[in-house]
C-alpha atoms as a PDB file:
ATOM      1  CA  UNK A   1       0.000   0.000   0.000  1.00  0.00           C
ATOM      2  CA  UNK A   2       1.418   3.378  -0.998  1.00  0.00           C
ATOM      3  CA  UNK A   3       1.719   6.118   1.590  1.00  0.00           C
ATOM      4  CA  UNK A   4      -0.974   8.741   1.229  1.00  0.00           C
ATOM      5  CA  UNK A   5       0.233  12.109   0.165  1.00  0.00           C
ATOM      6  CA  UNK A   6      -0.759  14.899   2.488  1.00  0.00           C
ATOM      7  CA  UNK A   7      -1.547  18.084   0.640  1.00  0.00           C
ATOM      8  CA  UNK A   8       1.068  20.808   0.951  1.00  0.00           C
ATOM      9  CA  UNK A   9       0.045  24.163   2.395  1.00  0.00           C
ATOM     10  CA  UNK A  10      -0.381  26.924  -0.198  1.00  0.00           C
ATOM     11  CA  UNK A  11       2.012  29.196   1.733  1.00  0.00           C
ATOM     12  CA  UNK A  12       5.316  28.146   3.262  1.00  0.00           C
ATOM     13  CA  UNK A  13       7.352  29.181   6.283  1.00  0.00           C
ATOM     14  CA  UNK A  14       9.390  32.424   5.806  1.00  0.00           C
ATOM     15  CA  UNK A  15       7.267  33.419   2.803  1.00  0.00           C
ATOM     16  CA  UNK A  16       6.348  37.092   2.505  1.00  0.00           C
ATOM     17  CA  UNK A  17       2.601  37.594   2.101  1.00  0.00           C
ATOM     18  CA  UNK A  18      -0.178  40.110   2.611  1.00  0.00           C
ATOM     19  CA  UNK A  19      -2.454  39.411   5.568  1.00  0.00           C
ATOM     20  CA  UNK A  20      -5.810  40.879   6.529  1.00  0.00           C
ATOM     21  CA  UNK A  21      -6.139  42.450   9.949  1.00  0.00           C
ATOM     22  CA  UNK A  22      -9.673  43.794  10.277  1.00  0.00           C
ATOM     23  CA  UNK A  23     -10.403  45.407   6.886  1.00  0.00           C
ATOM     24  CA  UNK A  24      -6.780  46.278   6.075  1.00  0.00           C
ATOM     25  CA  UNK A  25      -4.105  44.269   4.268  1.00  0.00           C
ATOM     26  CA  UNK A  26      -0.640  44.374   5.814  1.00  0.00           C
ATOM     27  CA  UNK A  27       2.639  42.985   4.585  1.00  0.00           C
ATOM     28  CA  UNK A  28       3.621  40.012   6.710  1.00  0.00           C
ATOM     29  CA  UNK A  29       5.972  37.051   6.993  1.00  0.00           C
ATOM     30  CA  UNK A  30       4.892  33.510   7.801  1.00  0.00           C
ATOM     31  CA  UNK A  31       6.690  32.239  10.911  1.00  0.00           C
ATOM     32  CA  UNK A  32       5.052  28.819  11.251  1.00  0.00           C
ATOM     33  CA  UNK A  33       2.496  26.577   9.528  1.00  0.00           C
ATOM     34  CA  UNK A  34       0.164  24.035  11.155  1.00  0.00           C
ATOM     35  CA  UNK A  35      -2.845  22.066   9.949  1.00  0.00           C
ATOM     36  CA  UNK A  36      -6.141  23.181  11.496  1.00  0.00           C
ATOM     37  CA  UNK A  37      -7.730  21.060  14.203  1.00  0.00           C
ATOM     38  CA  UNK A  38     -10.409  19.900  11.788  1.00  0.00           C
ATOM     39  CA  UNK A  39      -7.736  18.943   9.246  1.00  0.00           C
ATOM     40  CA  UNK A  40      -9.407  20.733   6.367  1.00  0.00           C
ATOM     41  CA  UNK A  41      -7.019  23.686   6.093  1.00  0.00           C
ATOM     42  CA  UNK A  42      -3.977  25.428   7.474  1.00  0.00           C
ATOM     43  CA  UNK A  43      -3.198  27.951  10.209  1.00  0.00           C
ATOM     44  CA  UNK A  44      -0.291  30.330   9.842  1.00  0.00           C
ATOM     45  CA  UNK A  45       1.616  32.208  12.486  1.00  0.00           C
ATOM     46  CA  UNK A  46       2.423  35.527  10.882  1.00  0.00           C
ATOM     47  CA  UNK A  47       4.487  38.579  11.791  1.00  0.00           C
ATOM     48  CA  UNK A  48       3.255  41.942  10.493  1.00  0.00           C
ATOM     49  CA  UNK A  49       6.136  43.877   8.954  1.00  0.00           C
ATOM     50  CA  UNK A  50       7.009  46.979  10.991  1.00  0.00           C
ATOM     51  CA  UNK A  51       4.997  45.880  14.029  1.00  0.00           C
ATOM     52  CA  UNK A  52       6.185  44.495  17.371  1.00  0.00           C
ATOM     53  CA  UNK A  53       6.207  40.746  17.816  1.00  0.00           C
ATOM     54  CA  UNK A  54       3.355  41.148  20.315  1.00  0.00           C
ATOM     55  CA  UNK A  55       1.135  41.589  17.220  1.00  0.00           C
ATOM     56  CA  UNK A  56       2.185  38.193  15.800  1.00  0.00           C
ATOM     57  CA  UNK A  57      -0.911  36.088  15.349  1.00  0.00           C
ATOM     58  CA  UNK A  58      -2.214  32.712  14.241  1.00  0.00           C
ATOM     59  CA  UNK A  59      -4.532  33.295  11.292  1.00  0.00           C
ATOM     60  CA  UNK A  60      -6.584  31.023   9.041  1.00  0.00           C
ATOM     61  CA  UNK A  61      -5.611  30.553   5.427  1.00  0.00           C
ATOM     62  CA  UNK A  62      -8.445  32.745   4.120  1.00  0.00           C
ATOM     63  CA  UNK A  63      -6.876  35.897   5.647  1.00  0.00           C
ATOM     64  CA  UNK A  64      -3.650  35.535   3.643  1.00  0.00           C
ATOM     65  CA  UNK A  65      -2.960  36.690   0.085  1.00  0.00           C
ATOM     66  CA  UNK A  66       0.069  36.213  -2.154  1.00  0.00           C
ATOM     67  CA  UNK A  67       2.454  39.161  -2.261  1.00  0.00           C
ATOM     68  CA  UNK A  68       1.988  40.247  -5.872  1.00  0.00           C
ATOM     69  CA  UNK A  69       1.219  43.483  -7.693  1.00  0.00           C
ATOM     70  CA  UNK A  70      -2.517  42.822  -7.867  1.00  0.00           C
ATOM     71  CA  UNK A  71      -2.818  42.286  -4.102  1.00  0.00           C
ATOM     72  CA  UNK A  72      -0.515  45.251  -3.384  1.00  0.00           C
ATOM     73  CA  UNK A  73      -2.920  47.416  -5.390  1.00  0.00           C
ATOM     74  CA  UNK A  74      -5.816  46.014  -3.347  1.00  0.00           C
ATOM     75  CA  UNK A  75      -3.959  46.928  -0.139  1.00  0.00           C
ATOM     76  CA  UNK A  76      -3.432  50.488  -1.424  1.00  0.00           C
ATOM     77  CA  UNK A  77      -7.127  50.804  -2.329  1.00  0.00           C
ATOM     78  CA  UNK A  78      -8.186  49.616   1.127  1.00  0.00           C
ATOM     79  CA  UNK A  79      -5.815  52.104   2.743  1.00  0.00           C
ATOM     80  CA  UNK A  80      -7.185  54.960   0.615  1.00  0.00           C
ATOM     81  CA  UNK A  81     -10.769  54.005   1.521  1.00  0.00           C
ATOM     82  CA  UNK A  82      -9.863  53.856   5.206  1.00  0.00           C
ATOM     83  CA  UNK A  83      -8.239  57.309   5.108  1.00  0.00           C
ATOM     84  CA  UNK A  84     -11.246  58.737   3.279  1.00  0.00           C
ATOM     85  CA  UNK A  85     -13.626  57.332   5.896  1.00  0.00           C
ATOM     86  CA  UNK A  86     -11.482  58.684   8.724  1.00  0.00           C
ATOM     87  CA  UNK A  87     -11.319  62.179   7.242  1.00  0.00           C
ATOM     88  CA  UNK A  88     -15.096  62.138   6.737  1.00  0.00           C
ATOM     89  CA  UNK A  89     -15.699  61.125  10.353  1.00  0.00           C
ATOM     90  CA  UNK A  90     -13.347  63.814  11.648  1.00  0.00           C
ATOM     91  CA  UNK A  91     -15.201  66.511   9.712  1.00  0.00           C
ATOM     92  CA  UNK A  92     -18.610  65.376  11.008  1.00  0.00           C
ATOM     93  CA  UNK A  93     -17.675  64.957  14.678  1.00  0.00           C
ATOM     94  CA  UNK A  94     -17.898  68.056  16.909  1.00  0.00           C
ATOM     95  CA  UNK A  95     -14.895  69.113  18.935  1.00  0.00           C
ATOM     96  CA  UNK A  96     -14.458  67.446  22.308  1.00  0.00           C
ATOM     97  CA  UNK A  97     -16.204  69.359  25.021  1.00  0.00           C
ATOM     98  CA  UNK A  98     -18.123  71.406  22.471  1.00  0.00           C
ATOM     99  CA  UNK A  99     -21.702  72.337  23.150  1.00  0.00           C
ATOM    100  CA  UNK A 100     -24.540  71.698  20.727  1.00  0.00           C
ATOM    101  CA  UNK A 101     -25.358  74.696  18.594  1.00  0.00           C
ATOM    102  CA  UNK A 102     -21.778  75.897  18.454  1.00  0.00           C
ATOM    103  CA  UNK A 103     -21.783  77.621  21.860  1.00  0.00           C
ATOM    104  CA  UNK A 104     -18.465  76.962  23.497  1.00  0.00           C
ATOM    105  CA  UNK A 105     -17.256  78.503  26.733  1.00  0.00           C
ATOM    106  CA  UNK A 106     -13.611  77.854  26.001  1.00  0.00           C
ATOM    107  CA  UNK A 107     -10.630  79.871  27.108  1.00  0.00           C
ATOM    108  CA  UNK A 108     -10.523  81.579  23.712  1.00  0.00           C
ATOM    109  CA  UNK A 109     -13.426  83.743  24.808  1.00  0.00           C
ATOM    110  CA  UNK A 110     -12.975  86.652  27.160  1.00  0.00           C
ATOM    111  CA  UNK A 111     -13.510  86.240  30.881  1.00  0.00           C
ATOM    112  CA  UNK A 112     -16.431  88.669  30.727  1.00  0.00           C
ATOM    113  CA  UNK A 113     -18.334  86.319  28.458  1.00  0.00           C
ATOM    114  CA  UNK A 114     -17.596  83.297  30.616  1.00  0.00           C
ATOM    115  CA  UNK A 115     -18.717  84.978  33.828  1.00  0.00           C
ATOM    116  CA  UNK A 116     -21.733  86.560  32.156  1.00  0.00           C
ATOM    117  CA  UNK A 117     -23.124  83.101  31.532  1.00  0.00           C
ATOM    118  CA  UNK A 118     -22.640  82.060  35.177  1.00  0.00           C
ATOM    119  CA  UNK A 119     -24.706  82.839  38.248  1.00  0.00           C
ATOM    120  CA  UNK A 120     -24.209  85.875  40.442  1.00  0.00           C
ATOM    121  CA  UNK A 121     -24.822  86.542  44.129  1.00  0.00           C
ATOM    122  CA  UNK A 122     -26.849  89.323  45.722  1.00  0.00           C
ATOM    123  CA  UNK A 123     -23.955  91.791  45.553  1.00  0.00           C
ATOM    124  CA  UNK A 124     -23.490  91.157  41.789  1.00  0.00           C
ATOM    125  CA  UNK A 125     -20.361  89.026  42.147  1.00  0.00           C
ATOM    126  CA  UNK A 126     -19.927  85.586  40.752  1.00  0.00           C
ATOM    127  CA  UNK A 127     -19.782  82.897  43.467  1.00  0.00           C
ATOM    128  CA  UNK A 128     -15.997  82.547  43.457  1.00  0.00           C
ATOM    129  CA  UNK A 129     -15.416  86.289  43.764  1.00  0.00           C
ATOM    130  CA  UNK A 130     -18.062  86.461  46.491  1.00  0.00           C
ATOM    131  CA  UNK A 131     -16.135  83.898  48.540  1.00  0.00           C
ATOM    132  CA  UNK A 132     -12.944  85.903  48.081  1.00  0.00           C
ATOM    133  CA  UNK A 133     -14.757  89.058  49.135  1.00  0.00           C
ATOM    134  CA  UNK A 134     -16.160  87.329  52.229  1.00  0.00           C
ATOM    135  CA  UNK A 135     -12.678  86.155  53.190  1.00  0.00           C
ATOM    136  CA  UNK A 136     -11.285  89.646  52.695  1.00  0.00           C
ATOM    137  CA  UNK A 137     -13.962  91.254  54.903  1.00  0.00           C
ATOM    138  CA  UNK A 138     -13.510  88.529  57.500  1.00  0.00           C
ATOM    139  CA  UNK A 139      -9.769  89.198  57.522  1.00  0.00           C
ATOM    140  CA  UNK A 140     -10.361  92.937  57.939  1.00  0.00           C
ATOM    141  CA  UNK A 141     -12.611  92.316  60.943  1.00  0.00           C
ATOM    142  CA  UNK A 142     -10.017  90.061  62.572  1.00  0.00           C
ATOM    143  CA  UNK A 143      -7.300  92.639  62.009  1.00  0.00           C
ATOM    144  CA  UNK A 144      -9.507  95.375  63.539  1.00  0.00           C
ATOM    145  CA  UNK A 145     -10.216  93.269  66.626  1.00  0.00           C
ATOM    146  CA  UNK A 146      -6.507  92.506  66.999  1.00  0.00           C
ATOM    147  CA  UNK A 147      -5.560  96.191  66.833  1.00  0.00           C
ATOM    148  CA  UNK A 148      -8.351  97.109  69.214  1.00  0.00           C
ATOM    149  CA  UNK A 149      -7.294  94.483  71.775  1.00  0.00           C
ATOM    150  CA  UNK A 150      -3.650  95.634  71.657  1.00  0.00           C
ATOM    151  CA  UNK A 151      -4.693  99.242  72.118  1.00  0.00           C
ATOM    152  CA  UNK A 152      -6.721  98.354  75.235  1.00  0.00           C
ATOM    153  CA  UNK A 153      -3.810  96.392  76.738  1.00  0.00           C
ATOM    154  CA  UNK A 154      -5.474  93.022  76.628  1.00  0.00           C
ATOM    155  CA  UNK A 155      -2.517  91.454  74.812  1.00  0.00           C
ATOM    156  CA  UNK A 156      -2.470  88.386  72.667  1.00  0.00           C
ATOM    157  CA  UNK A 157      -3.640  85.984  75.365  1.00  0.00           C
ATOM    158  CA  UNK A 158      -7.066  87.513  75.734  1.00  0.00           C
ATOM    159  CA  UNK A 159      -8.736  89.845  78.235  1.00  0.00           C
ATOM    160  CA  UNK A 160      -7.491  89.938  81.820  1.00  0.00           C
ATOM    161  CA  UNK A 161      -4.141  88.255  81.148  1.00  0.00           C
ATOM    162  CA  UNK A 162      -0.748  89.831  81.384  1.00  0.00           C
ATOM    163  CA  UNK A 163       2.408  88.602  79.852  1.00  0.00           C
ATOM    164  CA  UNK A 164       5.650  89.190  81.625  1.00  0.00           C
ATOM    165  CA  UNK A 165       8.701  87.034  81.907  1.00  0.00           C
ATOM    166  CA  UNK A 166       8.622  86.750  85.708  1.00  0.00           C
ATOM    167  CA  UNK A 167       5.166  85.168  85.854  1.00  0.00           C
ATOM    168  CA  UNK A 168       5.922  82.772  83.040  1.00  0.00           C
ATOM    169  CA  UNK A 169       7.053  79.359  84.309  1.00  0.00           C
ATOM    170  CA  UNK A 170       9.199  77.647  81.734  1.00  0.00           C
ATOM    171  CA  UNK A 171       9.728  74.478  83.849  1.00  0.00           C
ATOM    172  CA  UNK A 172       6.706  72.386  83.016  1.00  0.00           C
END
């Protein structure tokens, strides 16, 4: 009985090919060939030219094309279509952070316009400025009390206390 001939794979190890990844064709090199588990085809471990080895992948035979002029032209057409779709999407998409209707409170507009759109408090200040104003008036009141207490001789320790070195016990 003659040994049965096993069919040879259409692509061989170290052959340069074109391989589909998603809808794009990339130049690749076949690193390894194995029959599929079902035995009805071949799987190829390929390396995409110009890509890290982490992108190496096992692919079925139907994703691989011979590296010839006809398939190179197909790869160029797919690339052109992809670029055209990307440029069309970029033109249709609004800018990040943009508001519908073209209103955009970006830093390119003056501060008057940005604050005009915001809320104001009862003294016609925006909330942030109102907080600053409250802190400033609070600080003025504290400074007035401090000056008043020094003028009356109360000192820094409060009313009714005196501060002299003899009465201060430094041996705790």
